[in-house]
C-alpha atoms as a PDB file:
ATOM      1  CA  UNK A   1      55.884  79.903 -25.672  1.00  0.00           C
ATOM      2  CA  UNK A   2      53.028  77.873 -27.176  1.00  0.00           C
ATOM      3  CA  UNK A   3      50.605  75.569 -25.635  1.00  0.00           C
ATOM      4  CA  UNK A   4      51.870  72.364 -26.350  1.00  0.00           C
ATOM      5  CA  UNK A   5      55.410  73.515 -24.973  1.00  0.00           C
ATOM      6  CA  UNK A   6      54.054  75.064 -22.090  1.00  0.00           C
ATOM      7  CA  UNK A   7      52.217  71.624 -21.337  1.00  0.00           C
ATOM      8  CA  UNK A   8      55.391  69.809 -21.493  1.00  0.00           C
ATOM      9  CA  UNK A   9      57.300  72.193 -19.090  1.00  0.00           C
ATOM     10  CA  UNK A  10      54.469  71.721 -16.814  1.00  0.00           C
ATOM     11  CA  UNK A  11      54.593  68.550 -16.725  1.00  0.00           C
ATOM     12  CA  UNK A  12      58.135  68.381 -16.348  1.00  0.00           C
ATOM     13  CA  UNK A  13      58.072  70.988 -13.479  1.00  0.00           C
ATOM     14  CA  UNK A  14      55.348  68.752 -11.769  1.00  0.00           C
ATOM     15  CA  UNK A  15      56.952  65.512 -11.949  1.00  0.00           C
ATOM     16  CA  UNK A  16      60.240  66.869 -10.789  1.00  0.00           C
ATOM     17  CA  UNK A  17      58.689  68.552  -7.704  1.00  0.00           C
ATOM     18  CA  UNK A  18      56.839  65.573  -6.759  1.00  0.00           C
ATOM     19  CA  UNK A  19      60.180  63.599  -6.637  1.00  0.00           C
ATOM     20  CA  UNK A  20      62.011  66.221  -4.786  1.00  0.00           C
ATOM     21  CA  UNK A  21      59.140  66.320  -2.248  1.00  0.00           C
ATOM     22  CA  UNK A  22      59.104  62.546  -1.707  1.00  0.00           C
ATOM     23  CA  UNK A  23      62.680  62.202  -1.460  1.00  0.00           C
ATOM     24  CA  UNK A  24      62.495  65.223   1.374  1.00  0.00           C
ATOM     25  CA  UNK A  25      60.014  63.321   3.245  1.00  0.00           C
ATOM     26  CA  UNK A  26      63.068  60.982   4.577  1.00  0.00           C
ATOM     27  CA  UNK A  27      66.019  63.445   3.888  1.00  0.00           C
ATOM     28  CA  UNK A  28      65.752  66.580   5.955  1.00  0.00           C
ATOM     29  CA  UNK A  29      67.832  69.375   5.602  1.00  0.00           C
ATOM     30  CA  UNK A  30      69.834  68.702   1.842  1.00  0.00           C
ATOM     31  CA  UNK A  31      67.147  70.234  -0.395  1.00  0.00           C
ATOM     32  CA  UNK A  32      69.932  71.377  -2.859  1.00  0.00           C
ATOM     33  CA  UNK A  33      71.880  68.213  -2.583  1.00  0.00           C
ATOM     34  CA  UNK A  34      68.427  66.363  -3.448  1.00  0.00           C
ATOM     35  CA  UNK A  35      67.881  68.760  -6.400  1.00  0.00           C
ATOM     36  CA  UNK A  36      71.251  68.212  -7.981  1.00  0.00           C
ATOM     37  CA  UNK A  37      70.629  64.586  -7.556  1.00  0.00           C
ATOM     38  CA  UNK A  38      67.537  64.396  -9.473  1.00  0.00           C
ATOM     39  CA  UNK A  39      68.878  66.400 -12.126  1.00  0.00           C
ATOM     40  CA  UNK A  40      71.769  64.484 -12.465  1.00  0.00           C
ATOM     41  CA  UNK A  41      69.580  61.641 -13.150  1.00  0.00           C
ATOM     42  CA  UNK A  42      67.630  63.363 -15.850  1.00  0.00           C
ATOM     43  CA  UNK A  43      70.632  64.844 -17.360  1.00  0.00           C
ATOM     44  CA  UNK A  44      71.556  60.941 -17.872  1.00  0.00           C
ATOM     45  CA  UNK A  45      74.818  61.843 -15.999  1.00  0.00           C
ATOM     46  CA  UNK A  46      76.350  60.306 -12.176  1.00  0.00           C
ATOM     47  CA  UNK A  47      76.710  61.871  -8.822  1.00  0.00           C
ATOM     48  CA  UNK A  48      79.607  61.815  -6.216  1.00  0.00           C
ATOM     49  CA  UNK A  49      78.536  62.797  -2.355  1.00  0.00           C
ATOM     50  CA  UNK A  50      81.432  63.418  -0.159  1.00  0.00           C
ATOM     51  CA  UNK A  51      80.862  63.423   3.190  1.00  0.00           C
ATOM     52  CA  UNK A  52      81.490  61.752   6.698  1.00  0.00           C
ATOM     53  CA  UNK A  53      79.608  58.670   7.834  1.00  0.00           C
ATOM     54  CA  UNK A  54      75.951  59.448   9.101  1.00  0.00           C
ATOM     55  CA  UNK A  55      74.726  61.883   7.211  1.00  0.00           C
ATOM     56  CA  UNK A  56      72.444  59.862   5.164  1.00  0.00           C
ATOM     57  CA  UNK A  57      74.090  59.388   2.102  1.00  0.00           C
ATOM     58  CA  UNK A  58      72.963  56.351   1.638  1.00  0.00           C
ATOM     59  CA  UNK A  59      69.788  56.828   2.645  1.00  0.00           C
ATOM     60  CA  UNK A  60      69.227  59.299   0.091  1.00  0.00           C
ATOM     61  CA  UNK A  61      69.997  56.973  -2.458  1.00  0.00           C
ATOM     62  CA  UNK A  62      67.683  54.096  -1.721  1.00  0.00           C
ATOM     63  CA  UNK A  63      64.631  56.440  -1.165  1.00  0.00           C
ATOM     64  CA  UNK A  64      65.411  58.232  -4.444  1.00  0.00           C
ATOM     65  CA  UNK A  65      65.337  54.406  -5.979  1.00  0.00           C
ATOM     66  CA  UNK A  66      61.880  53.701  -4.349  1.00  0.00           C
ATOM     67  CA  UNK A  67      60.498  57.048  -5.540  1.00  0.00           C
ATOM     68  CA  UNK A  68      61.380  56.454  -9.185  1.00  0.00           C
ATOM     69  CA  UNK A  69      60.656  52.749  -9.084  1.00  0.00           C
ATOM     70  CA  UNK A  70      63.589  51.414 -10.526  1.00  0.00           C
ATOM     71  CA  UNK A  71      65.752  48.483 -10.036  1.00  0.00           C
ATOM     72  CA  UNK A  72      68.224  49.075  -6.850  1.00  0.00           C
ATOM     73  CA  UNK A  73      71.631  47.672  -6.376  1.00  0.00           C
ATOM     74  CA  UNK A  74      74.093  48.172  -3.489  1.00  0.00           C
ATOM     75  CA  UNK A  75      77.817  47.676  -3.350  1.00  0.00           C
ATOM     76  CA  UNK A  76      79.868  48.263  -0.461  1.00  0.00           C
ATOM     77  CA  UNK A  77      83.168  49.062  -1.645  1.00  0.00           C
ATOM     78  CA  UNK A  78      85.509  47.043   0.730  1.00  0.00           C
ATOM     79  CA  UNK A  79      89.596  46.952   0.225  1.00  0.00           C
ATOM     80  CA  UNK A  80      89.155  43.079  -0.771  1.00  0.00           C
ATOM     81  CA  UNK A  81      86.468  43.769  -2.915  1.00  0.00           C
ATOM     82  CA  UNK A  82      87.410  42.703  -6.773  1.00  0.00           C
ATOM     83  CA  UNK A  83      86.343  43.992 -10.243  1.00  0.00           C
ATOM     84  CA  UNK A  84      84.441  40.721 -10.870  1.00  0.00           C
ATOM     85  CA  UNK A  85      82.365  41.255  -7.494  1.00  0.00           C
ATOM     86  CA  UNK A  86      80.782  44.131  -9.695  1.00  0.00           C
ATOM     87  CA  UNK A  87      80.515  43.317 -12.784  1.00  0.00           C
ATOM     88  CA  UNK A  88      79.875  39.427 -12.615  1.00  0.00           C
ATOM     89  CA  UNK A  89      81.569  36.689 -13.945  1.00  0.00           C
ATOM     90  CA  UNK A  90      81.252  33.513 -15.997  1.00  0.00           C
ATOM     91  CA  UNK A  91      80.689  30.408 -14.048  1.00  0.00           C
ATOM     92  CA  UNK A  92      80.869  26.827 -14.938  1.00  0.00           C
ATOM     93  CA  UNK A  93      77.744  25.102 -14.737  1.00  0.00           C
ATOM     94  CA  UNK A  94      76.674  21.319 -15.848  1.00  0.00           C
ATOM     95  CA  UNK A  95      73.824  20.410 -17.777  1.00  0.00           C
ATOM     96  CA  UNK A  96      71.900  17.532 -17.344  1.00  0.00           C
ATOM     97  CA  UNK A  97      73.809  15.098 -19.675  1.00  0.00           C
ATOM     98  CA  UNK A  98      77.110  16.121 -17.874  1.00  0.00           C
ATOM     99  CA  UNK A  99      78.343  18.468 -20.450  1.00  0.00           C
ATOM    100  CA  UNK A 100      80.358  21.589 -18.666  1.00  0.00           C
ATOM    101  CA  UNK A 101      79.673  25.060 -19.684  1.00  0.00           C
ATOM    102  CA  UNK A 102      80.036  28.910 -18.978  1.00  0.00           C
ATOM    103  CA  UNK A 103      77.269  30.655 -17.904  1.00  0.00           C
ATOM    104  CA  UNK A 104      77.438  34.648 -16.933  1.00  0.00           C
ATOM    105  CA  UNK A 105      76.312  35.300 -13.426  1.00  0.00           C
ATOM    106  CA  UNK A 106      75.553  39.064 -13.660  1.00  0.00           C
ATOM    107  CA  UNK A 107      76.856  41.413 -10.913  1.00  0.00           C
ATOM    108  CA  UNK A 108      74.952  43.843  -8.870  1.00  0.00           C
ATOM    109  CA  UNK A 109      76.144  46.511 -11.514  1.00  0.00           C
ATOM    110  CA  UNK A 110      73.315  45.155 -13.747  1.00  0.00           C
ATOM    111  CA  UNK A 111      70.455  47.672 -12.243  1.00  0.00           C
ATOM    112  CA  UNK A 112      69.089  51.019 -13.127  1.00  0.00           C
ATOM    113  CA  UNK A 113      70.342  52.860  -9.936  1.00  0.00           C
ATOM    114  CA  UNK A 114      73.653  51.728  -8.490  1.00  0.00           C
ATOM    115  CA  UNK A 115      75.012  52.391  -5.238  1.00  0.00           C
ATOM    116  CA  UNK A 116      78.621  52.451  -4.808  1.00  0.00           C
ATOM    117  CA  UNK A 117      79.316  52.790  -1.059  1.00  0.00           C
ATOM    118  CA  UNK A 118      82.417  54.254   0.288  1.00  0.00           C
ATOM    119  CA  UNK A 119      83.862  54.162  -2.791  1.00  0.00           C
ATOM    120  CA  UNK A 120      87.147  54.885  -1.837  1.00  0.00           C
ATOM    121  CA  UNK A 121      87.378  52.226   0.481  1.00  0.00           C
ATOM    122  CA  UNK A 122      88.168  49.993  -2.515  1.00  0.00           C
ATOM    123  CA  UNK A 123      91.577  49.791  -4.541  1.00  0.00           C
ATOM    124  CA  UNK A 124      91.647  51.426  -7.817  1.00  0.00           C
ATOM    125  CA  UNK A 125      91.801  48.353  -9.845  1.00  0.00           C
ATOM    126  CA  UNK A 126      88.342  47.864  -8.552  1.00  0.00           C
ATOM    127  CA  UNK A 127      87.114  51.570  -8.806  1.00  0.00           C
ATOM    128  CA  UNK A 128      87.809  51.304 -12.477  1.00  0.00           C
ATOM    129  CA  UNK A 129      85.426  48.155 -13.062  1.00  0.00           C
ATOM    130  CA  UNK A 130      82.709  51.207 -13.119  1.00  0.00           C
ATOM    131  CA  UNK A 131      84.230  52.969 -15.982  1.00  0.00           C
ATOM    132  CA  UNK A 132      82.857  51.161 -19.071  1.00  0.00           C
ATOM    133  CA  UNK A 133      79.542  51.065 -17.363  1.00  0.00           C
ATOM    134  CA  UNK A 134      79.197  54.912 -16.203  1.00  0.00           C
ATOM    135  CA  UNK A 135      80.424  55.963 -19.893  1.00  0.00           C
ATOM    136  CA  UNK A 136      79.784  53.555 -22.461  1.00  0.00           C
ATOM    137  CA  UNK A 137      76.366  51.802 -20.529  1.00  0.00           C
ATOM    138  CA  UNK A 138      77.991  48.213 -21.071  1.00  0.00           C
ATOM    139  CA  UNK A 139      79.983  45.582 -19.364  1.00  0.00           C
ATOM    140  CA  UNK A 140      82.363  43.808 -20.784  1.00  0.00           C
ATOM    141  CA  UNK A 141      83.234  39.999 -19.799  1.00  0.00           C
ATOM    142  CA  UNK A 142      85.770  38.217 -21.975  1.00  0.00           C
ATOM    143  CA  UNK A 143      84.567  38.386 -25.662  1.00  0.00           C
ATOM    144  CA  UNK A 144      81.159  39.450 -24.566  1.00  0.00           C
ATOM    145  CA  UNK A 145      79.660  42.880 -23.904  1.00  0.00           C
ATOM    146  CA  UNK A 146      76.268  42.706 -22.106  1.00  0.00           C
ATOM    147  CA  UNK A 147      74.189  46.237 -22.536  1.00  0.00           C
ATOM    148  CA  UNK A 148      73.231  47.763 -19.053  1.00  0.00           C
ATOM    149  CA  UNK A 149      69.092  48.694 -19.177  1.00  0.00           C
ATOM    150  CA  UNK A 150      68.526  52.401 -19.699  1.00  0.00           C
ATOM    151  CA  UNK A 151      68.216  54.334 -17.327  1.00  0.00           C
ATOM    152  CA  UNK A 152      71.423  53.597 -15.992  1.00  0.00           C
ATOM    153  CA  UNK A 153      72.367  55.650 -12.855  1.00  0.00           C
ATOM    154  CA  UNK A 154      75.716  55.499 -10.790  1.00  0.00           C
ATOM    155  CA  UNK A 155      75.256  57.522  -7.360  1.00  0.00           C
ATOM    156  CA  UNK A 156      78.653  57.120  -5.291  1.00  0.00           C
ATOM    157  CA  UNK A 157      79.400  57.747  -1.577  1.00  0.00           C
ATOM    158  CA  UNK A 158      82.890  58.442  -0.396  1.00  0.00           C
ATOM    159  CA  UNK A 159      84.678  59.725   2.709  1.00  0.00           C
ATOM    160  CA  UNK A 160      86.648  62.747   2.853  1.00  0.00           C
ATOM    161  CA  UNK A 161      90.019  61.627   1.735  1.00  0.00           C
ATOM    162  CA  UNK A 162      91.976  62.706   4.678  1.00  0.00           C
ATOM    163  CA  UNK A 163      90.640  59.946   6.663  1.00  0.00           C
ATOM    164  CA  UNK A 164      92.326  56.782   6.797  1.00  0.00           C
ATOM    165  CA  UNK A 165      92.158  53.660   4.381  1.00  0.00           C
ATOM    166  CA  UNK A 166      90.638  55.736   1.379  1.00  0.00           C
ATOM    167  CA  UNK A 167      92.196  55.501  -2.001  1.00  0.00           C
ATOM    168  CA  UNK A 168      91.763  58.649  -4.005  1.00  0.00           C
ATOM    169  CA  UNK A 169      89.628  58.234  -7.134  1.00  0.00           C
ATOM    170  CA  UNK A 170      91.553  57.855 -10.510  1.00  0.00           C
ATOM    171  CA  UNK A 171      91.440  61.076 -12.337  1.00  0.00           C
ATOM    172  CA  UNK A 172      89.620  59.155 -15.536  1.00  0.00           C
ATOM    173  CA  UNK A 173      86.918  58.243 -12.982  1.00  0.00           C
ATOM    174  CA  UNK A 174      86.148  61.565 -11.415  1.00  0.00           C
ATOM    175  CA  UNK A 175      85.665  63.095 -14.782  1.00  0.00           C
ATOM    176  CA  UNK A 176      82.570  60.931 -15.545  1.00  0.00           C
ATOM    177  CA  UNK A 177      80.579  61.989 -12.882  1.00  0.00           C
ATOM    178  CA  UNK A 178      78.060  64.798 -13.476  1.00  0.00           C
ATOM    179  CA  UNK A 179      78.376  66.414 -10.575  1.00  0.00           C
ATOM    180  CA  UNK A 180      80.296  66.296  -6.949  1.00  0.00           C
ATOM    181  CA  UNK A 181      78.363  67.258  -4.065  1.00  0.00           C
ATOM    182  CA  UNK A 182      79.524  67.843  -0.233  1.00  0.00           C
ATOM    183  CA  UNK A 183      76.865  67.096   1.953  1.00  0.00           C
ATOM    184  CA  UNK A 184      77.343  69.060   5.138  1.00  0.00           C
ATOM    185  CA  UNK A 185      76.232  68.855   8.776  1.00  0.00           C
ATOM    186  CA  UNK A 186      72.390  69.417   8.933  1.00  0.00           C
ATOM    187  CA  UNK A 187      71.394  72.501  10.942  1.00  0.00           C
ATOM    188  CA  UNK A 188      70.105  72.370  14.498  1.00  0.00           C
ATOM    189  CA  UNK A 189      66.545  72.778  13.121  1.00  0.00           C
ATOM    190  CA  UNK A 190      66.812  70.095  10.715  1.00  0.00           C
ATOM    191  CA  UNK A 191      68.129  67.732  13.280  1.00  0.00           C
ATOM    192  CA  UNK A 192      65.321  68.342  15.141  1.00  0.00           C
ATOM    193  CA  UNK A 193      63.164  67.149  12.493  1.00  0.00           C
ATOM    194  CA  UNK A 194      65.736  64.224  11.564  1.00  0.00           C
ATOM    195  CA  UNK A 195      65.650  62.612  15.335  1.00  0.00           C
ATOM    196  CA  UNK A 196      61.377  63.504  15.244  1.00  0.00           C
ATOM    197  CA  UNK A 197      61.055  61.159  12.104  1.00  0.00           C
ATOM    198  CA  UNK A 198      63.368  59.001  13.191  1.00  0.00           C
ATOM    199  CA  UNK A 199      63.042  57.773  16.826  1.00  0.00           C
ATOM    200  CA  UNK A 200      59.017  57.163  16.741  1.00  0.00           C
ATOM    201  CA  UNK A 201      57.361  53.909  16.019  1.00  0.00           C
ATOM    202  CA  UNK A 202      56.330  54.691  12.296  1.00  0.00           C
ATOM    203  CA  UNK A 203      58.845  56.380   9.666  1.00  0.00           C
ATOM    204  CA  UNK A 204      57.653  58.013   6.936  1.00  0.00           C
ATOM    205  CA  UNK A 205      56.667  56.558   3.543  1.00  0.00           C
ATOM    206  CA  UNK A 206      57.548  57.696   0.125  1.00  0.00           C
ATOM    207  CA  UNK A 207      55.268  57.155  -2.808  1.00  0.00           C
ATOM    208  CA  UNK A 208      56.328  55.952  -6.165  1.00  0.00           C
ATOM    209  CA  UNK A 209      56.468  58.934  -8.845  1.00  0.00           C
ATOM    210  CA  UNK A 210      58.368  58.103 -11.828  1.00  0.00           C
ATOM    211  CA  UNK A 211      59.452  55.144 -13.913  1.00  0.00           C
ATOM    212  CA  UNK A 212      62.044  54.459 -16.714  1.00  0.00           C
ATOM    213  CA  UNK A 213      60.094  55.532 -19.579  1.00  0.00           C
ATOM    214  CA  UNK A 214      58.978  58.636 -18.249  1.00  0.00           C
ATOM    215  CA  UNK A 215      62.728  59.304 -17.143  1.00  0.00           C
ATOM    216  CA  UNK A 216      63.718  58.681 -20.460  1.00  0.00           C
ATOM    217  CA  UNK A 217      60.987  60.820 -21.790  1.00  0.00           C
ATOM    218  CA  UNK A 218      61.908  63.618 -19.414  1.00  0.00           C
ATOM    219  CA  UNK A 219      65.597  63.360 -21.086  1.00  0.00           C
ATOM    220  CA  UNK A 220      64.639  64.096 -24.200  1.00  0.00           C
ATOM    221  CA  UNK A 221      62.681  67.163 -22.840  1.00  0.00           C
ATOM    222  CA  UNK A 222      65.952  68.474 -21.361  1.00  0.00           C
ATOM    223  CA  UNK A 223      68.067  68.194 -24.440  1.00  0.00           C
ATOM    224  CA  UNK A 224      65.162  70.128 -26.747  1.00  0.00           C
ATOM    225  CA  UNK A 225      65.803  73.058 -24.708  1.00  0.00           C
ATOM    226  CA  UNK A 226      67.739  75.820 -26.647  1.00  0.00           C
ATOM    227  CA  UNK A 227      70.913  77.566 -25.502  1.00  0.00           C
ATOM    228  CA  UNK A 228      72.139  80.975 -26.865  1.00  0.00           C
ATOM    229  CA  UNK A 229      75.826  80.655 -27.963  1.00  0.00           C
ATOM    230  CA  UNK A 230      76.908  83.870 -26.132  1.00  0.00           C
ATOM    231  CA  UNK A 231      75.434  81.491 -23.043  1.00  0.00           C
ATOM    232  CA  UNK A 232      77.608  78.687 -24.220  1.00  0.00           C
ATOM    233  CA  UNK A 233      80.751  80.626 -24.551  1.00  0.00           C
ATOM    234  CA  UNK A 234      80.040  81.599 -21.141  1.00  0.00           C
ATOM    235  CA  UNK A 235      80.338  78.401 -20.329  1.00  0.00           C
ATOM    236  CA  UNK A 236      83.347  77.283 -21.740  1.00  0.00           C
ATOM    237  CA  UNK A 237      85.474  80.784 -20.537  1.00  0.00           C
ATOM    238  CA  UNK A 238      84.534  79.126 -17.148  1.00  0.00           C
ATOM    239  CA  UNK A 239      85.992  75.734 -17.957  1.00  0.00           C
ATOM    240  CA  UNK A 240      88.967  77.046 -19.864  1.00  0.00           C
ATOM    241  CA  UNK A 241      89.588  79.577 -16.674  1.00  0.00           C
ATOM    242  CA  UNK A 242      90.073  76.407 -14.779  1.00  0.00           C
ATOM    243  CA  UNK A 243      93.534  75.606 -17.285  1.00  0.00           C
ATOM    244  CA  UNK A 244      96.469  77.218 -16.140  1.00  0.00           C
ATOM    245  CA  UNK A 245      98.688  79.191 -18.518  1.00  0.00           C
ATOM    246  CA  UNK A 246      95.888  80.145 -20.725  1.00  0.00           C
ATOM    247  CA  UNK A 247      94.621  83.444 -22.053  1.00  0.00           C
ATOM    248  CA  UNK A 248      91.387  82.777 -20.088  1.00  0.00           C
ATOM    249  CA  UNK A 249      93.454  81.521 -16.861  1.00  0.00           C
ATOM    250  CA  UNK A 250      92.558  83.123 -13.583  1.00  0.00           C
ATOM    251  CA  UNK A 251      95.492  83.969 -11.045  1.00  0.00           C
ATOM    252  CA  UNK A 252      94.721  81.265  -8.456  1.00  0.00           C
ATOM    253  CA  UNK A 253      94.727  78.781 -11.574  1.00  0.00           C
ATOM    254  CA  UNK A 254      98.113  79.641 -12.410  1.00  0.00           C
ATOM    255  CA  UNK A 255      99.459  79.202  -8.846  1.00  0.00           C
ATOM    256  CA  UNK A 256      97.592  76.283  -7.439  1.00  0.00           C
ATOM    257  CA  UNK A 257      96.052  74.190 -10.574  1.00  0.00           C
ATOM    258  CA  UNK A 258      98.144  71.441 -12.481  1.00  0.00           C
ATOM    259  CA  UNK A 259      95.192  70.662 -14.896  1.00  0.00           C
ATOM    260  CA  UNK A 260      91.859  71.958 -15.502  1.00  0.00           C
ATOM    261  CA  UNK A 261      88.710  70.548 -16.134  1.00  0.00           C
ATOM    262  CA  UNK A 262      87.750  68.924 -19.391  1.00  0.00           C
ATOM    263  CA  UNK A 263      84.826  69.205 -21.990  1.00  0.00           C
ATOM    264  CA  UNK A 264      82.569  67.003 -20.038  1.00  0.00           C
ATOM    265  CA  UNK A 265      82.466  69.868 -17.195  1.00  0.00           C
ATOM    266  CA  UNK A 266      81.195  72.005 -19.857  1.00  0.00           C
ATOM    267  CA  UNK A 267      78.577  69.490 -21.031  1.00  0.00           C
ATOM    268  CA  UNK A 268      77.499  69.011 -17.307  1.00  0.00           C
ATOM    269  CA  UNK A 269      76.953  72.808 -17.061  1.00  0.00           C
ATOM    270  CA  UNK A 270      74.977  73.454 -19.945  1.00  0.00           C
ATOM    271  CA  UNK A 271      72.879  70.253 -19.186  1.00  0.00           C
ATOM    272  CA  UNK A 272      72.460  70.973 -16.094  1.00  0.00           C
ATOM    273  CA  UNK A 273      71.510  74.895 -17.008  1.00  0.00           C
ATOM    274  CA  UNK A 274      68.558  73.551 -19.462  1.00  0.00           C
ATOM    275  CA  UNK A 275      67.165  71.469 -16.638  1.00  0.00           C
ATOM    276  CA  UNK A 276      67.297  74.314 -14.053  1.00  0.00           C
ATOM    277  CA  UNK A 277      65.645  76.715 -17.257  1.00  0.00           C
ATOM    278  CA  UNK A 278      62.907  74.414 -17.045  1.00  0.00           C
ATOM    279  CA  UNK A 279      62.390  74.078 -13.610  1.00  0.00           C
ATOM    280  CA  UNK A 280      62.201  78.373 -13.639  1.00  0.00           C
ATOM    281  CA  UNK A 281      59.562  78.008 -16.335  1.00  0.00           C
ATOM    282  CA  UNK A 282      61.921  78.907 -18.890  1.00  0.00           C
ATOM    283  CA  UNK A 283      63.056  77.356 -22.429  1.00  0.00           C
ATOM    284  CA  UNK A 284      66.444  79.091 -22.750  1.00  0.00           C
ATOM    285  CA  UNK A 285      69.473  79.045 -20.539  1.00  0.00           C
ATOM    286  CA  UNK A 286      70.734  82.025 -19.168  1.00  0.00           C
ATOM    287  CA  UNK A 287      74.156  82.542 -17.492  1.00  0.00           C
ATOM    288  CA  UNK A 288      72.633  82.113 -14.018  1.00  0.00           C
ATOM    289  CA  UNK A 289      71.772  78.905 -14.663  1.00  0.00           C
ATOM    290  CA  UNK A 290      75.259  78.225 -15.753  1.00  0.00           C
ATOM    291  CA  UNK A 291      76.676  79.382 -12.601  1.00  0.00           C
ATOM    292  CA  UNK A 292      74.278  77.727 -10.431  1.00  0.00           C
ATOM    293  CA  UNK A 293      75.593  74.441 -11.458  1.00  0.00           C
ATOM    294  CA  UNK A 294      79.114  75.441 -12.519  1.00  0.00           C
ATOM    295  CA  UNK A 295      80.421  74.275  -8.531  1.00  0.00           C
ATOM    296  CA  UNK A 296      79.234  70.492  -8.999  1.00  0.00           C
ATOM    297  CA  UNK A 297      80.314  70.111 -12.288  1.00  0.00           C
ATOM    298  CA  UNK A 298      83.792  71.507 -11.729  1.00  0.00           C
ATOM    299  CA  UNK A 299      85.143  70.875  -8.236  1.00  0.00           C
ATOM    300  CA  UNK A 300      85.782  67.219  -8.943  1.00  0.00           C
ATOM    301  CA  UNK A 301      87.406  67.785 -12.182  1.00  0.00           C
ATOM    302  CA  UNK A 302      90.314  70.166 -11.151  1.00  0.00           C
ATOM    303  CA  UNK A 303      93.646  68.560 -10.467  1.00  0.00           C
ATOM    304  CA  UNK A 304      95.899  70.791  -7.943  1.00  0.00           C
ATOM    305  CA  UNK A 305      99.596  71.570  -8.244  1.00  0.00           C
ATOM    306  CA  UNK A 306     102.185  70.525  -5.659  1.00  0.00           C
ATOM    307  CA  UNK A 307     101.756  73.984  -4.101  1.00  0.00           C
ATOM    308  CA  UNK A 308      98.021  73.854  -3.917  1.00  0.00           C
ATOM    309  CA  UNK A 309      98.047  70.551  -2.344  1.00  0.00           C
ATOM    310  CA  UNK A 310     100.918  71.731  -0.033  1.00  0.00           C
ATOM    311  CA  UNK A 311      98.738  74.627   0.904  1.00  0.00           C
ATOM    312  CA  UNK A 312      95.068  72.667   1.344  1.00  0.00           C
ATOM    313  CA  UNK A 313      93.617  74.898  -1.263  1.00  0.00           C
ATOM    314  CA  UNK A 314      89.992  74.194  -1.593  1.00  0.00           C
ATOM    315  CA  UNK A 315      88.986  73.791  -5.277  1.00  0.00           C
ATOM    316  CA  UNK A 316      85.481  75.571  -4.557  1.00  0.00           C
ATOM    317  CA  UNK A 317      87.931  78.643  -3.168  1.00  0.00           C
ATOM    318  CA  UNK A 318      89.503  78.710  -7.080  1.00  0.00           C
ATOM    319  CA  UNK A 319      85.866  78.429  -8.320  1.00  0.00           C
ATOM    320  CA  UNK A 320      84.305  81.136  -6.412  1.00  0.00           C
ATOM    321  CA  UNK A 321      87.056  83.483  -7.806  1.00  0.00           C
ATOM    322  CA  UNK A 322      86.709  82.138 -11.126  1.00  0.00           C
ATOM    323  CA  UNK A 323      82.909  82.769 -11.335  1.00  0.00           C
ATOM    324  CA  UNK A 324      83.181  86.334  -9.978  1.00  0.00           C
ATOM    325  CA  UNK A 325      85.837  87.224 -12.535  1.00  0.00           C
ATOM    326  CA  UNK A 326      84.471  86.162 -15.666  1.00  0.00           C
ATOM    327  CA  UNK A 327      81.676  88.462 -16.987  1.00  0.00           C
ATOM    328  CA  UNK A 328      78.186  87.820 -18.362  1.00  0.00           C
ATOM    329  CA  UNK A 329      77.637  87.434 -21.938  1.00  0.00           C
ATOM    330  CA  UNK A 330      75.439  91.106 -22.709  1.00  0.00           C
END
């Protein structure tokens, strides 16, 4: 590793660690979730957080937006929310001469960090308003297309689908999320820390660490990390093992899965692996890097068969079997 590359890697690690430490001042007990959210931001991806209400998912997003000094917007999804409430719409205006004209009023999606809170409370029609923005980073209204300012990062929260009044996200939109992270209940020790911080006169304050140009520069650093072809094939084999009735299929896949993960999952594993390699002071991706991000990259991209849904099979169980069965490249 040359001195210039070593300095670049150290700078990346320092900024990543500072962001994580600042967010951890407010969000307690979720170090892995925080790390994966920052990872998705630097990978130019989006995150879906799943967990019951009250676990700090919304607070995590707002805190991150403060730390990275980006324009923040929150959209509270409800059953009566319409797509125009997200993207914006053309409004009739009148000039000084009494002439009427249409003027576009931007919706809350025109921000850098967008919190889609309880996204599965809205209908699929409204959920799909995010599709174009998440993939192309543009918004089309009528015949006009508007570009979103980079970086653009969507972090959506949802309640478990078993709860009443929720709408499962369409498969096409799920596939656009870089990772799906599960937020579980904090431990006893973490709960003590949470209560000590939130029931006193002063709550912790965070400092701003990153800005937009720095994030874009860190994204370039991530993309420049090389990956060996055998390691890349390892990621492909993991992805293909989620597809039923192929030579790579796992036994549980053939039994419980109707459709496997898309190529976007392999992209997520590789880019996430590159970030993890940098955090571990390496400029190459290892098999361990791929495995560490595989669960988050794959769990929301597996569509269960009727038998899998009837038996309430957890996709994580299938993925654990796949990761244990596929040998690492020599």
